[in-house]
Amino acid sequence: MLDIQKVTLLADYFILCDGTSTRQINAISDGLLEELKKAGPQSAVVEGTPESGWMLIDFGSVIVHIFSPEKRAYYQLEELWKEAPIVVRML
């Protein structure tokens, strides 16, 4: 998770993760959207598909990027947003 509050006005946080298959990418996005519904009437904007290797879920102040390993390596968002402090890193 990157704290991008002082780097851009797009959001407060980026969460970057990857799934090793289209099924796993879909499961991650479905799980996030299911938890959002439980939390209340907020909405999210979903872009991309599991088959594309990159899904983006915009929760407003938090934007989640779900990548295939190949797309994550290609786009290197951690490098692009390297000025943003890392809040949490899980390996």
N, C-alpha and C. Protein backbone atom coordinates (compact mmCIF):
# COMPACT_ATOMS: atom_id res chain seq x y z
N MET A 1 0.84 -1.16 0.00
CA MET A 1 0.00 0.00 0.00
C MET A 1 0.89 1.23 0.00
N LEU A 2 0.59 2.14 -0.91
CA LEU A 2 1.34 3.39 -1.02
C LEU A 2 0.49 4.55 -0.53
N ASP A 3 1.07 5.42 0.25
CA ASP A 3 0.41 6.64 0.69
C ASP A 3 0.71 7.71 -0.37
N ILE A 4 -0.26 8.01 -1.21
CA ILE A 4 -0.03 8.94 -2.31
C ILE A 4 -0.63 10.32 -2.06
N GLN A 5 -1.05 10.59 -0.83
CA GLN A 5 -1.72 11.85 -0.50
C GLN A 5 -0.91 13.09 -0.85
N LYS A 6 0.39 13.03 -0.65
CA LYS A 6 1.23 14.20 -0.90
C LYS A 6 1.83 14.19 -2.30
N VAL A 7 1.51 13.15 -3.09
CA VAL A 7 2.10 13.01 -4.42
C VAL A 7 1.10 13.37 -5.52
N THR A 8 -0.18 13.10 -5.28
CA THR A 8 -1.20 13.34 -6.29
C THR A 8 -2.56 13.58 -5.64
N LEU A 9 -3.46 14.15 -6.39
CA LEU A 9 -4.82 14.37 -5.91
C LEU A 9 -5.75 13.22 -6.30
N LEU A 10 -5.24 12.22 -7.00
CA LEU A 10 -6.06 11.11 -7.48
C LEU A 10 -6.76 10.35 -6.36
N ALA A 11 -6.05 10.13 -5.29
CA ALA A 11 -6.57 9.33 -4.16
C ALA A 11 -5.63 9.53 -2.98
N ASP A 12 -5.96 8.86 -1.87
CA ASP A 12 -5.07 8.90 -0.71
C ASP A 12 -4.12 7.71 -0.71
N TYR A 13 -4.60 6.56 -1.17
CA TYR A 13 -3.80 5.34 -1.13
C TYR A 13 -3.96 4.53 -2.41
N PHE A 14 -2.88 3.90 -2.83
CA PHE A 14 -2.90 2.87 -3.86
C PHE A 14 -2.60 1.55 -3.18
N ILE A 15 -3.38 0.55 -3.48
CA ILE A 15 -3.07 -0.81 -3.06
C ILE A 15 -2.71 -1.58 -4.33
N LEU A 16 -1.53 -2.18 -4.34
CA LEU A 16 -1.04 -2.93 -5.50
C LEU A 16 -0.90 -4.39 -5.11
N CYS A 17 -1.52 -5.26 -5.89
CA CYS A 17 -1.41 -6.69 -5.62
C CYS A 17 -1.47 -7.45 -6.93
N ASP A 18 -1.14 -8.72 -6.87
CA ASP A 18 -1.25 -9.52 -8.08
C ASP A 18 -1.86 -10.87 -7.79
N GLY A 19 -2.46 -11.41 -8.84
CA GLY A 19 -3.04 -12.75 -8.81
C GLY A 19 -2.34 -13.58 -9.87
N THR A 20 -2.11 -14.83 -9.58
CA THR A 20 -1.33 -15.66 -10.48
C THR A 20 -2.13 -16.24 -11.64
N SER A 21 -3.47 -16.01 -11.64
CA SER A 21 -4.31 -16.50 -12.73
C SER A 21 -5.50 -15.57 -12.89
N THR A 22 -6.20 -15.68 -14.01
CA THR A 22 -7.40 -14.86 -14.19
C THR A 22 -8.43 -15.19 -13.12
N ARG A 23 -8.51 -16.45 -12.74
CA ARG A 23 -9.45 -16.86 -11.69
C ARG A 23 -9.12 -16.17 -10.36
N GLN A 24 -7.84 -16.10 -10.03
CA GLN A 24 -7.44 -15.47 -8.77
C GLN A 24 -7.67 -13.96 -8.82
N ILE A 25 -7.37 -13.33 -9.95
CA ILE A 25 -7.63 -11.89 -10.09
C ILE A 25 -9.11 -11.62 -9.90
N ASN A 26 -9.95 -12.44 -10.51
CA ASN A 26 -11.40 -12.29 -10.37
C ASN A 26 -11.83 -12.50 -8.92
N ALA A 27 -11.27 -13.49 -8.25
CA ALA A 27 -11.64 -13.76 -6.86
C ALA A 27 -11.24 -12.59 -5.95
N ILE A 28 -10.09 -12.00 -6.19
CA ILE A 28 -9.66 -10.85 -5.38
C ILE A 28 -10.63 -9.68 -5.57
N SER A 29 -10.96 -9.38 -6.83
CA SER A 29 -11.87 -8.25 -7.08
C SER A 29 -13.26 -8.54 -6.52
N ASP A 30 -13.77 -9.76 -6.71
CA ASP A 30 -15.07 -10.12 -6.16
C ASP A 30 -15.09 -10.00 -4.63
N GLY A 31 -14.01 -10.44 -3.99
CA GLY A 31 -13.92 -10.35 -2.53
C GLY A 31 -13.93 -8.91 -2.05
N LEU A 32 -13.19 -8.05 -2.73
CA LEU A 32 -13.16 -6.63 -2.35
C LEU A 32 -14.54 -6.00 -2.50
N LEU A 33 -15.19 -6.27 -3.62
CA LEU A 33 -16.51 -5.68 -3.86
C LEU A 33 -17.56 -6.22 -2.90
N GLU A 34 -17.45 -7.49 -2.53
CA GLU A 34 -18.37 -8.08 -1.55
C GLU A 34 -18.21 -7.41 -0.18
N GLU A 35 -16.97 -7.20 0.24
CA GLU A 35 -16.72 -6.53 1.53
C GLU A 35 -17.21 -5.09 1.49
N LEU A 36 -17.08 -4.43 0.36
CA LEU A 36 -17.57 -3.06 0.24
C LEU A 36 -19.08 -3.02 0.45
N LYS A 37 -19.81 -3.98 -0.14
CA LYS A 37 -21.27 -4.02 0.03
C LYS A 37 -21.64 -4.20 1.49
N LYS A 38 -20.88 -5.01 2.22
CA LYS A 38 -21.15 -5.22 3.64
C LYS A 38 -20.92 -3.95 4.45
N ALA A 39 -19.99 -3.11 3.99
CA ALA A 39 -19.63 -1.91 4.74
C ALA A 39 -20.65 -0.79 4.61
N GLY A 40 -21.53 -0.87 3.61
CA GLY A 40 -22.53 0.18 3.46
C GLY A 40 -22.80 0.53 2.00
N PRO A 41 -23.41 1.68 1.80
CA PRO A 41 -23.89 2.05 0.48
C PRO A 41 -22.84 2.68 -0.46
N GLN A 42 -21.57 2.60 -0.13
CA GLN A 42 -20.55 3.18 -0.99
C GLN A 42 -20.55 2.45 -2.34
N SER A 43 -20.02 3.13 -3.32
CA SER A 43 -19.90 2.49 -4.63
C SER A 43 -18.44 2.49 -5.06
N ALA A 44 -18.17 1.67 -6.04
CA ALA A 44 -16.82 1.58 -6.57
C ALA A 44 -16.91 1.55 -8.09
N VAL A 45 -15.87 2.05 -8.73
CA VAL A 45 -15.76 1.98 -10.18
C VAL A 45 -14.74 0.91 -10.51
N VAL A 46 -15.14 -0.02 -11.38
CA VAL A 46 -14.26 -1.12 -11.76
C VAL A 46 -13.85 -0.95 -13.22
N GLU A 47 -12.57 -1.03 -13.48
CA GLU A 47 -12.04 -0.95 -14.84
C GLU A 47 -11.21 -2.20 -15.11
N GLY A 48 -11.20 -2.66 -16.34
CA GLY A 48 -10.40 -3.82 -16.72
C GLY A 48 -11.12 -5.12 -16.44
N THR A 49 -10.48 -6.20 -16.86
CA THR A 49 -11.02 -7.54 -16.67
C THR A 49 -9.90 -8.46 -16.20
N PRO A 50 -10.26 -9.57 -15.58
CA PRO A 50 -9.21 -10.52 -15.19
C PRO A 50 -8.39 -11.01 -16.39
N GLU A 51 -9.05 -11.15 -17.53
CA GLU A 51 -8.36 -11.63 -18.73
C GLU A 51 -7.32 -10.64 -19.26
N SER A 52 -7.52 -9.35 -18.98
CA SER A 52 -6.56 -8.33 -19.44
C SER A 52 -5.29 -8.32 -18.59
N GLY A 53 -5.36 -8.92 -17.39
CA GLY A 53 -4.19 -8.92 -16.51
C GLY A 53 -4.08 -7.71 -15.62
N TRP A 54 -5.06 -6.81 -15.68
CA TRP A 54 -5.02 -5.62 -14.83
C TRP A 54 -6.45 -5.17 -14.56
N MET A 55 -6.82 -5.16 -13.31
CA MET A 55 -8.10 -4.61 -12.89
C MET A 55 -7.83 -3.47 -11.93
N LEU A 56 -8.64 -2.44 -12.04
CA LEU A 56 -8.54 -1.30 -11.15
C LEU A 56 -9.90 -1.14 -10.49
N ILE A 57 -9.89 -1.02 -9.18
CA ILE A 57 -11.12 -0.77 -8.43
C ILE A 57 -10.93 0.53 -7.67
N ASP A 58 -11.73 1.52 -8.03
CA ASP A 58 -11.62 2.86 -7.46
C ASP A 58 -12.69 3.02 -6.38
N PHE A 59 -12.23 3.08 -5.14
CA PHE A 59 -13.12 3.27 -4.00
C PHE A 59 -13.18 4.74 -3.58
N GLY A 60 -12.66 5.63 -4.39
CA GLY A 60 -12.61 7.05 -4.03
C GLY A 60 -11.25 7.40 -3.48
N SER A 61 -11.09 7.33 -2.17
CA SER A 61 -9.80 7.67 -1.57
C SER A 61 -8.79 6.53 -1.64
N VAL A 62 -9.26 5.34 -2.00
CA VAL A 62 -8.37 4.18 -2.15
C VAL A 62 -8.59 3.58 -3.53
N ILE A 63 -7.50 3.37 -4.25
CA ILE A 63 -7.56 2.73 -5.56
C ILE A 63 -6.75 1.44 -5.49
N VAL A 64 -7.40 0.35 -5.86
CA VAL A 64 -6.77 -0.97 -5.82
C VAL A 64 -6.42 -1.39 -7.24
N HIS A 65 -5.17 -1.77 -7.44
CA HIS A 65 -4.70 -2.30 -8.72
C HIS A 65 -4.44 -3.79 -8.51
N ILE A 66 -5.11 -4.63 -9.31
CA ILE A 66 -4.89 -6.08 -9.24
C ILE A 66 -4.29 -6.50 -10.57
N PHE A 67 -3.06 -6.98 -10.52
CA PHE A 67 -2.30 -7.31 -11.73
C PHE A 67 -2.05 -8.80 -11.86
N SER A 68 -1.79 -9.22 -13.09
CA SER A 68 -1.08 -10.48 -13.31
C SER A 68 0.38 -10.16 -13.02
N PRO A 69 1.21 -11.15 -12.68
CA PRO A 69 2.62 -10.86 -12.42
C PRO A 69 3.32 -10.18 -13.61
N GLU A 70 2.95 -10.57 -14.83
CA GLU A 70 3.58 -9.99 -16.02
C GLU A 70 3.22 -8.51 -16.18
N LYS A 71 1.95 -8.17 -15.98
CA LYS A 71 1.52 -6.77 -16.11
C LYS A 71 2.11 -5.92 -14.99
N ARG A 72 2.20 -6.49 -13.79
CA ARG A 72 2.79 -5.72 -12.69
C ARG A 72 4.25 -5.41 -12.97
N ALA A 73 4.97 -6.38 -13.50
CA ALA A 73 6.38 -6.17 -13.85
C ALA A 73 6.51 -5.16 -14.99
N TYR A 74 5.60 -5.21 -15.94
CA TYR A 74 5.67 -4.32 -17.09
C TYR A 74 5.40 -2.86 -16.70
N TYR A 75 4.32 -2.64 -15.93
CA TYR A 75 3.93 -1.27 -15.60
C TYR A 75 4.70 -0.66 -14.44
N GLN A 76 5.21 -1.46 -13.54
CA GLN A 76 6.07 -1.00 -12.45
C GLN A 76 5.53 0.24 -11.73
N LEU A 77 4.30 0.15 -11.25
CA LEU A 77 3.70 1.31 -10.58
C LEU A 77 4.45 1.70 -9.32
N GLU A 78 5.06 0.73 -8.65
CA GLU A 78 5.87 1.08 -7.47
C GLU A 78 6.99 2.03 -7.84
N GLU A 79 7.57 1.83 -9.01
CA GLU A 79 8.65 2.71 -9.48
C GLU A 79 8.09 4.05 -9.93
N LEU A 80 6.96 4.03 -10.62
CA LEU A 80 6.34 5.26 -11.10
C LEU A 80 5.96 6.17 -9.94
N TRP A 81 5.48 5.58 -8.85
CA TRP A 81 5.05 6.35 -7.68
C TRP A 81 6.06 6.21 -6.53
N LYS A 82 7.34 6.15 -6.85
CA LYS A 82 8.36 5.89 -5.83
C LYS A 82 8.48 7.01 -4.79
N GLU A 83 7.94 8.19 -5.07
CA GLU A 83 7.97 9.26 -4.07
C GLU A 83 6.97 9.00 -2.94
N ALA A 84 6.01 8.12 -3.19
CA ALA A 84 4.98 7.82 -2.18
C ALA A 84 5.52 6.84 -1.15
N PRO A 85 5.36 7.16 0.12
CA PRO A 85 5.82 6.25 1.17
C PRO A 85 5.04 4.92 1.14
N ILE A 86 5.74 3.84 1.40
CA ILE A 86 5.10 2.53 1.53
C ILE A 86 4.52 2.43 2.93
N VAL A 87 3.23 2.18 3.03
CA VAL A 87 2.56 2.05 4.33
C VAL A 87 2.67 0.61 4.81
N VAL A 88 2.36 -0.33 3.92
CA VAL A 88 2.41 -1.75 4.23
C VAL A 88 2.95 -2.48 3.02
N ARG A 89 3.83 -3.44 3.26
CA ARG A 89 4.34 -4.31 2.18
C ARG A 89 4.24 -5.73 2.67
N MET A 90 3.54 -6.56 1.93
CA MET A 90 3.41 -7.96 2.26
C MET A 90 3.97 -8.79 1.11
N LEU A 91 4.77 -9.75 1.43
CA LEU A 91 5.36 -10.60 0.38
C LEU A 91 4.79 -11.98 0.44
